[in-house]
C-alpha atoms as a PDB file:
ATOM      1  CA  UNK A   1      -0.516  -7.087  -2.588  1.00  0.00           C
ATOM      2  CA  UNK A   2      -3.610  -8.927  -1.379  1.00  0.00           C
ATOM      3  CA  UNK A   3      -3.943 -10.308   2.145  1.00  0.00           C
ATOM      4  CA  UNK A   4      -3.203 -13.955   1.281  1.00  0.00           C
ATOM      5  CA  UNK A   5       0.007 -13.080  -0.570  1.00  0.00           C
ATOM      6  CA  UNK A   6       1.012 -10.680   2.214  1.00  0.00           C
ATOM      7  CA  UNK A   7       0.624 -13.334   4.910  1.00  0.00           C
ATOM      8  CA  UNK A   8       2.323 -15.983   2.789  1.00  0.00           C
ATOM      9  CA  UNK A   9       5.324 -13.748   2.140  1.00  0.00           C
ATOM     10  CA  UNK A  10       5.649 -13.137   5.859  1.00  0.00           C
ATOM     11  CA  UNK A  11       5.723 -16.866   6.537  1.00  0.00           C
ATOM     12  CA  UNK A  12       2.193 -17.112   7.938  1.00  0.00           C
ATOM     13  CA  UNK A  13       0.869 -19.458   5.292  1.00  0.00           C
ATOM     14  CA  UNK A  14      -2.747 -19.316   4.143  1.00  0.00           C
ATOM     15  CA  UNK A  15      -5.264 -19.173   6.941  1.00  0.00           C
ATOM     16  CA  UNK A  16      -8.987 -19.719   6.970  1.00  0.00           C
ATOM     17  CA  UNK A  17      -9.636 -17.493   9.978  1.00  0.00           C
ATOM     18  CA  UNK A  18      -8.903 -13.767  10.304  1.00  0.00           C
ATOM     19  CA  UNK A  19      -6.684 -14.365  13.307  1.00  0.00           C
ATOM     20  CA  UNK A  20      -2.982 -14.730  12.522  1.00  0.00           C
ATOM     21  CA  UNK A  21      -1.344 -18.020  13.370  1.00  0.00           C
ATOM     22  CA  UNK A  22       2.290 -17.230  14.032  1.00  0.00           C
ATOM     23  CA  UNK A  23       5.186 -14.850  13.668  1.00  0.00           C
ATOM     24  CA  UNK A  24       8.534 -15.975  12.308  1.00  0.00           C
ATOM     25  CA  UNK A  25      11.100 -17.295  14.772  1.00  0.00           C
ATOM     26  CA  UNK A  26      13.349 -14.273  14.361  1.00  0.00           C
ATOM     27  CA  UNK A  27      10.441 -11.946  15.084  1.00  0.00           C
ATOM     28  CA  UNK A  28       9.468 -13.966  18.150  1.00  0.00           C
ATOM     29  CA  UNK A  29      13.029 -13.736  19.446  1.00  0.00           C
ATOM     30  CA  UNK A  30      12.974  -9.980  18.899  1.00  0.00           C
ATOM     31  CA  UNK A  31       9.651  -9.694  20.717  1.00  0.00           C
ATOM     32  CA  UNK A  32      10.990 -11.633  23.711  1.00  0.00           C
ATOM     33  CA  UNK A  33      14.052  -9.392  23.838  1.00  0.00           C
ATOM     34  CA  UNK A  34      11.915  -6.275  23.572  1.00  0.00           C
ATOM     35  CA  UNK A  35       9.979  -7.220  26.718  1.00  0.00           C
ATOM     36  CA  UNK A  36      13.014  -7.590  28.944  1.00  0.00           C
ATOM     37  CA  UNK A  37      12.884  -3.925  29.917  1.00  0.00           C
ATOM     38  CA  UNK A  38      10.619  -3.214  32.888  1.00  0.00           C
ATOM     39  CA  UNK A  39       8.098  -1.055  31.054  1.00  0.00           C
ATOM     40  CA  UNK A  40       5.096  -2.018  33.120  1.00  0.00           C
ATOM     41  CA  UNK A  41       1.564  -1.575  31.824  1.00  0.00           C
ATOM     42  CA  UNK A  42       1.513   0.434  28.592  1.00  0.00           C
ATOM     43  CA  UNK A  43       0.625   4.055  29.164  1.00  0.00           C
ATOM     44  CA  UNK A  44      -2.504   5.558  27.670  1.00  0.00           C
ATOM     45  CA  UNK A  45      -2.529   8.457  25.258  1.00  0.00           C
ATOM     46  CA  UNK A  46      -5.048  10.840  23.701  1.00  0.00           C
ATOM     47  CA  UNK A  47      -7.796   9.393  21.516  1.00  0.00           C
ATOM     48  CA  UNK A  48      -7.395  12.327  19.156  1.00  0.00           C
ATOM     49  CA  UNK A  49     -10.023  13.944  16.932  1.00  0.00           C
ATOM     50  CA  UNK A  50      -9.869  11.362  14.113  1.00  0.00           C
ATOM     51  CA  UNK A  51     -11.110   8.143  15.720  1.00  0.00           C
ATOM     52  CA  UNK A  52     -13.815   6.493  13.610  1.00  0.00           C
ATOM     53  CA  UNK A  53     -15.605   3.473  15.067  1.00  0.00           C
ATOM     54  CA  UNK A  54     -16.805   0.521  13.036  1.00  0.00           C
ATOM     55  CA  UNK A  55     -13.708   0.071  10.899  1.00  0.00           C
ATOM     56  CA  UNK A  56     -13.098  -3.214   9.072  1.00  0.00           C
ATOM     57  CA  UNK A  57     -10.921  -6.153  10.028  1.00  0.00           C
ATOM     58  CA  UNK A  58      -8.039  -5.933   7.588  1.00  0.00           C
ATOM     59  CA  UNK A  59      -4.311  -6.669   7.433  1.00  0.00           C
ATOM     60  CA  UNK A  60      -3.272  -3.975   4.935  1.00  0.00           C
ATOM     61  CA  UNK A  61      -4.646  -0.620   6.116  1.00  0.00           C
ATOM     62  CA  UNK A  62      -3.607   1.122   2.900  1.00  0.00           C
ATOM     63  CA  UNK A  63      -6.738   0.103   1.005  1.00  0.00           C
ATOM     64  CA  UNK A  64      -6.464   2.942  -1.517  1.00  0.00           C
ATOM     65  CA  UNK A  65      -2.794   2.344  -2.356  1.00  0.00           C
ATOM     66  CA  UNK A  66      -1.612   5.742  -1.219  1.00  0.00           C
ATOM     67  CA  UNK A  67       2.003   6.560  -1.968  1.00  0.00           C
ATOM     68  CA  UNK A  68       4.490   6.351   0.865  1.00  0.00           C
ATOM     69  CA  UNK A  69       7.082   4.145   2.517  1.00  0.00           C
ATOM     70  CA  UNK A  70       5.714   0.669   3.157  1.00  0.00           C
ATOM     71  CA  UNK A  71       5.714  -0.391   6.789  1.00  0.00           C
ATOM     72  CA  UNK A  72       4.971  -3.604   8.672  1.00  0.00           C
ATOM     73  CA  UNK A  73       4.194  -3.444  12.377  1.00  0.00           C
ATOM     74  CA  UNK A  74       4.193  -6.638  14.430  1.00  0.00           C
ATOM     75  CA  UNK A  75       4.085  -7.248  18.124  1.00  0.00           C
ATOM     76  CA  UNK A  76       2.565  -9.034  21.047  1.00  0.00           C
ATOM     77  CA  UNK A  77      -0.143  -8.256  23.568  1.00  0.00           C
ATOM     78  CA  UNK A  78       0.316  -9.225  27.206  1.00  0.00           C
ATOM     79  CA  UNK A  79      -1.835  -9.034  30.311  1.00  0.00           C
ATOM     80  CA  UNK A  80      -0.097  -7.354  33.235  1.00  0.00           C
ATOM     81  CA  UNK A  81       3.428  -6.061  33.533  1.00  0.00           C
ATOM     82  CA  UNK A  82       5.394  -9.173  32.540  1.00  0.00           C
ATOM     83  CA  UNK A  83       5.334 -11.496  29.527  1.00  0.00           C
ATOM     84  CA  UNK A  84       3.728 -14.537  31.125  1.00  0.00           C
ATOM     85  CA  UNK A  85       0.148 -13.864  29.958  1.00  0.00           C
ATOM     86  CA  UNK A  86      -0.260 -13.390  26.194  1.00  0.00           C
ATOM     87  CA  UNK A  87      -3.768 -12.198  25.322  1.00  0.00           C
ATOM     88  CA  UNK A  88      -5.617 -14.019  22.545  1.00  0.00           C
ATOM     89  CA  UNK A  89      -8.511 -12.693  20.462  1.00  0.00           C
ATOM     90  CA  UNK A  90      -7.962  -9.073  21.421  1.00  0.00           C
ATOM     91  CA  UNK A  91      -9.183  -6.395  19.028  1.00  0.00           C
ATOM     92  CA  UNK A  92      -6.542  -3.833  18.064  1.00  0.00           C
ATOM     93  CA  UNK A  93      -7.971  -0.870  16.187  1.00  0.00           C
ATOM     94  CA  UNK A  94      -5.310   1.107  14.318  1.00  0.00           C
ATOM     95  CA  UNK A  95      -5.509   4.433  12.513  1.00  0.00           C
ATOM     96  CA  UNK A  96      -2.952   6.939  11.297  1.00  0.00           C
ATOM     97  CA  UNK A  97      -2.224   9.842   8.956  1.00  0.00           C
ATOM     98  CA  UNK A  98      -0.998   9.471   5.391  1.00  0.00           C
ATOM     99  CA  UNK A  99       2.501  10.494   4.331  1.00  0.00           C
ATOM    100  CA  UNK A 100       1.374  14.138   4.197  1.00  0.00           C
ATOM    101  CA  UNK A 101      -0.020  14.054   7.739  1.00  0.00           C
ATOM    102  CA  UNK A 102      -3.685  13.873   6.672  1.00  0.00           C
ATOM    103  CA  UNK A 103      -6.269  11.466   8.102  1.00  0.00           C
ATOM    104  CA  UNK A 104      -8.934   9.733   6.029  1.00  0.00           C
ATOM    105  CA  UNK A 105     -11.517  10.859   6.892  1.00  0.00           C
ATOM    106  CA  UNK A 106     -10.594  14.171   8.495  1.00  0.00           C
ATOM    107  CA  UNK A 107     -13.178  13.687  11.223  1.00  0.00           C
ATOM    108  CA  UNK A 108     -14.634  11.265  13.735  1.00  0.00           C
ATOM    109  CA  UNK A 109     -17.876   9.362  14.275  1.00  0.00           C
ATOM    110  CA  UNK A 110     -18.706   6.023  12.652  1.00  0.00           C
ATOM    111  CA  UNK A 111     -17.763   4.619   9.259  1.00  0.00           C
ATOM    112  CA  UNK A 112     -21.449   4.792   8.308  1.00  0.00           C
ATOM    113  CA  UNK A 113     -21.125   8.587   8.386  1.00  0.00           C
ATOM    114  CA  UNK A 114     -18.773   8.523   5.392  1.00  0.00           C
ATOM    115  CA  UNK A 115     -18.625   7.188   1.851  1.00  0.00           C
ATOM    116  CA  UNK A 116     -16.498   4.054   1.534  1.00  0.00           C
ATOM    117  CA  UNK A 117     -13.856   5.796  -0.584  1.00  0.00           C
ATOM    118  CA  UNK A 118     -13.233   8.264   2.243  1.00  0.00           C
ATOM    119  CA  UNK A 119     -12.177   5.529   4.697  1.00  0.00           C
ATOM    120  CA  UNK A 120      -8.604   4.268   4.625  1.00  0.00           C
ATOM    121  CA  UNK A 121      -5.428   3.925   6.726  1.00  0.00           C
ATOM    122  CA  UNK A 122      -7.554   2.506   9.512  1.00  0.00           C
ATOM    123  CA  UNK A 123      -8.963  -0.857  10.527  1.00  0.00           C
ATOM    124  CA  UNK A 124      -8.475  -3.569  13.125  1.00  0.00           C
ATOM    125  CA  UNK A 125      -6.584  -6.811  13.602  1.00  0.00           C
ATOM    126  CA  UNK A 126      -7.004  -9.572  16.174  1.00  0.00           C
ATOM    127  CA  UNK A 127      -4.304 -11.234  18.222  1.00  0.00           C
ATOM    128  CA  UNK A 128      -3.790 -14.958  17.713  1.00  0.00           C
ATOM    129  CA  UNK A 129      -3.633 -17.637  20.411  1.00  0.00           C
ATOM    130  CA  UNK A 130      -0.124 -16.513  21.386  1.00  0.00           C
ATOM    131  CA  UNK A 131      -1.007 -12.825  21.547  1.00  0.00           C
ATOM    132  CA  UNK A 132       0.725 -11.965  18.257  1.00  0.00           C
ATOM    133  CA  UNK A 133      -0.550  -9.324  15.857  1.00  0.00           C
ATOM    134  CA  UNK A 134       0.622  -7.781  12.590  1.00  0.00           C
ATOM    135  CA  UNK A 135      -0.496  -5.210  10.045  1.00  0.00           C
ATOM    136  CA  UNK A 136       0.838  -3.452   6.949  1.00  0.00           C
ATOM    137  CA  UNK A 137       0.436   0.172   5.860  1.00  0.00           C
ATOM    138  CA  UNK A 138       2.517   3.207   4.887  1.00  0.00           C
ATOM    139  CA  UNK A 139       4.697   5.236   7.245  1.00  0.00           C
ATOM    140  CA  UNK A 140       2.636   8.053   8.781  1.00  0.00           C
ATOM    141  CA  UNK A 141       3.614  11.616   8.028  1.00  0.00           C
ATOM    142  CA  UNK A 142       3.988  14.366  10.589  1.00  0.00           C
ATOM    143  CA  UNK A 143       1.763  17.370  11.002  1.00  0.00           C
ATOM    144  CA  UNK A 144       2.179  20.550  13.057  1.00  0.00           C
ATOM    145  CA  UNK A 145       2.362  19.897  16.762  1.00  0.00           C
ATOM    146  CA  UNK A 146       2.644  16.087  16.657  1.00  0.00           C
ATOM    147  CA  UNK A 147       5.424  13.565  16.107  1.00  0.00           C
ATOM    148  CA  UNK A 148       5.001  10.637  13.704  1.00  0.00           C
ATOM    149  CA  UNK A 149       2.709   8.016  15.294  1.00  0.00           C
ATOM    150  CA  UNK A 150       0.150   5.222  15.052  1.00  0.00           C
ATOM    151  CA  UNK A 151      -3.036   5.253  17.141  1.00  0.00           C
ATOM    152  CA  UNK A 152      -4.167   2.067  18.907  1.00  0.00           C
ATOM    153  CA  UNK A 153      -7.417   1.265  20.689  1.00  0.00           C
ATOM    154  CA  UNK A 154      -7.243  -2.198  22.245  1.00  0.00           C
ATOM    155  CA  UNK A 155     -10.184  -4.174  23.605  1.00  0.00           C
ATOM    156  CA  UNK A 156      -9.825  -7.569  25.311  1.00  0.00           C
ATOM    157  CA  UNK A 157     -12.041  -9.554  27.672  1.00  0.00           C
ATOM    158  CA  UNK A 158     -10.949  -9.200  31.282  1.00  0.00           C
ATOM    159  CA  UNK A 159      -8.753  -6.166  30.644  1.00  0.00           C
ATOM    160  CA  UNK A 160      -9.180  -2.422  30.641  1.00  0.00           C
ATOM    161  CA  UNK A 161      -9.621  -0.895  27.195  1.00  0.00           C
ATOM    162  CA  UNK A 162      -6.455   0.944  26.255  1.00  0.00           C
ATOM    163  CA  UNK A 163      -6.124   3.948  23.967  1.00  0.00           C
ATOM    164  CA  UNK A 164      -2.466   4.584  23.234  1.00  0.00           C
ATOM    165  CA  UNK A 165      -0.018   5.623  20.534  1.00  0.00           C
ATOM    166  CA  UNK A 166       3.308   4.264  19.328  1.00  0.00           C
ATOM    167  CA  UNK A 167       6.064   6.532  18.050  1.00  0.00           C
ATOM    168  CA  UNK A 168       9.203   6.383  15.922  1.00  0.00           C
ATOM    169  CA  UNK A 169      12.751   6.258  17.242  1.00  0.00           C
ATOM    170  CA  UNK A 170      14.864   9.017  15.783  1.00  0.00           C
ATOM    171  CA  UNK A 171      11.933  11.372  15.263  1.00  0.00           C
ATOM    172  CA  UNK A 172      13.181  14.619  16.837  1.00  0.00           C
ATOM    173  CA  UNK A 173       9.651  15.853  17.531  1.00  0.00           C
ATOM    174  CA  UNK A 174       9.104  13.138  20.163  1.00  0.00           C
ATOM    175  CA  UNK A 175      11.222  15.294  22.470  1.00  0.00           C
ATOM    176  CA  UNK A 176       8.406  17.844  22.468  1.00  0.00           C
ATOM    177  CA  UNK A 177       6.057  15.466  24.291  1.00  0.00           C
ATOM    178  CA  UNK A 178       6.194  13.388  27.460  1.00  0.00           C
ATOM    179  CA  UNK A 179       6.569   9.990  25.764  1.00  0.00           C
ATOM    180  CA  UNK A 180       7.921   6.966  27.606  1.00  0.00           C
ATOM    181  CA  UNK A 181      10.691   5.113  25.785  1.00  0.00           C
ATOM    182  CA  UNK A 182       8.741   1.839  25.700  1.00  0.00           C
ATOM    183  CA  UNK A 183       6.353   3.295  23.118  1.00  0.00           C
ATOM    184  CA  UNK A 184       9.116   4.641  20.881  1.00  0.00           C
ATOM    185  CA  UNK A 185       9.724   1.901  18.321  1.00  0.00           C
ATOM    186  CA  UNK A 186      12.911   1.336  16.350  1.00  0.00           C
ATOM    187  CA  UNK A 187      11.602   0.952  12.798  1.00  0.00           C
ATOM    188  CA  UNK A 188      14.293  -0.168  10.361  1.00  0.00           C
ATOM    189  CA  UNK A 189      14.267  -0.718   6.601  1.00  0.00           C
ATOM    190  CA  UNK A 190      14.822  -4.253   5.359  1.00  0.00           C
ATOM    191  CA  UNK A 191      16.542  -5.196   2.091  1.00  0.00           C
ATOM    192  CA  UNK A 192      13.285  -4.561   0.211  1.00  0.00           C
ATOM    193  CA  UNK A 193      13.004  -1.042   1.564  1.00  0.00           C
ATOM    194  CA  UNK A 194      10.126  -1.880   3.919  1.00  0.00           C
ATOM    195  CA  UNK A 195      10.144  -0.381   7.397  1.00  0.00           C
ATOM    196  CA  UNK A 196       9.643  -3.002  10.116  1.00  0.00           C
ATOM    197  CA  UNK A 197       9.195  -2.599  13.840  1.00  0.00           C
ATOM    198  CA  UNK A 198       7.886  -4.427  16.887  1.00  0.00           C
ATOM    199  CA  UNK A 199       5.441  -2.844  19.324  1.00  0.00           C
ATOM    200  CA  UNK A 200       4.740  -4.827  22.494  1.00  0.00           C
ATOM    201  CA  UNK A 201       1.699  -3.785  24.533  1.00  0.00           C
ATOM    202  CA  UNK A 202       0.793  -4.618  28.146  1.00  0.00           C
ATOM    203  CA  UNK A 203      -2.830  -4.274  29.295  1.00  0.00           C
ATOM    204  CA  UNK A 204      -4.072  -3.699  32.836  1.00  0.00           C
ATOM    205  CA  UNK A 205      -6.661  -6.113  34.265  1.00  0.00           C
ATOM    206  CA  UNK A 206     -10.188  -4.944  35.046  1.00  0.00           C
END
């Protein structure tokens, strides 16, 4: 599915800018509920060996149509510990393994170090004026020593850059690491078989 159809099906409508305009009312209600717990500023996590800078702005990270369970991640970005300061125009870089636990590429550096067909399951999105973000991909696989996860690197004016990871509720391997519950997301399948979850992030000020 191309980006315009993807956004239209989610209720975003067609947009001329790369920044999303809204999230559906039900999703907004879920996001508000998900911030009622006193999580504080989102904790950082390891950058990992597979961060590649210079990725593209894109809504569907699965540019090579790899097989796997489709997943849609939405959420909101806030400044500080509460939900009174949504952050607009933040850059959220995302990367993750394929369904077999393999990254593309298996390495780091810059995208210019690799052929275009070696780069996938990574890219960035921007938050809109209300701090909302969304992206589509496939559910990451697990690999030895790590639970299922997405990597985030978030950059926003006036806030400290955050490198973090979000995890999957019900994944038994999360018990092997010191992971706070606020970064363990309850992904559930909808009637179309697509996993959906909401990941709310709080940034610390500079």
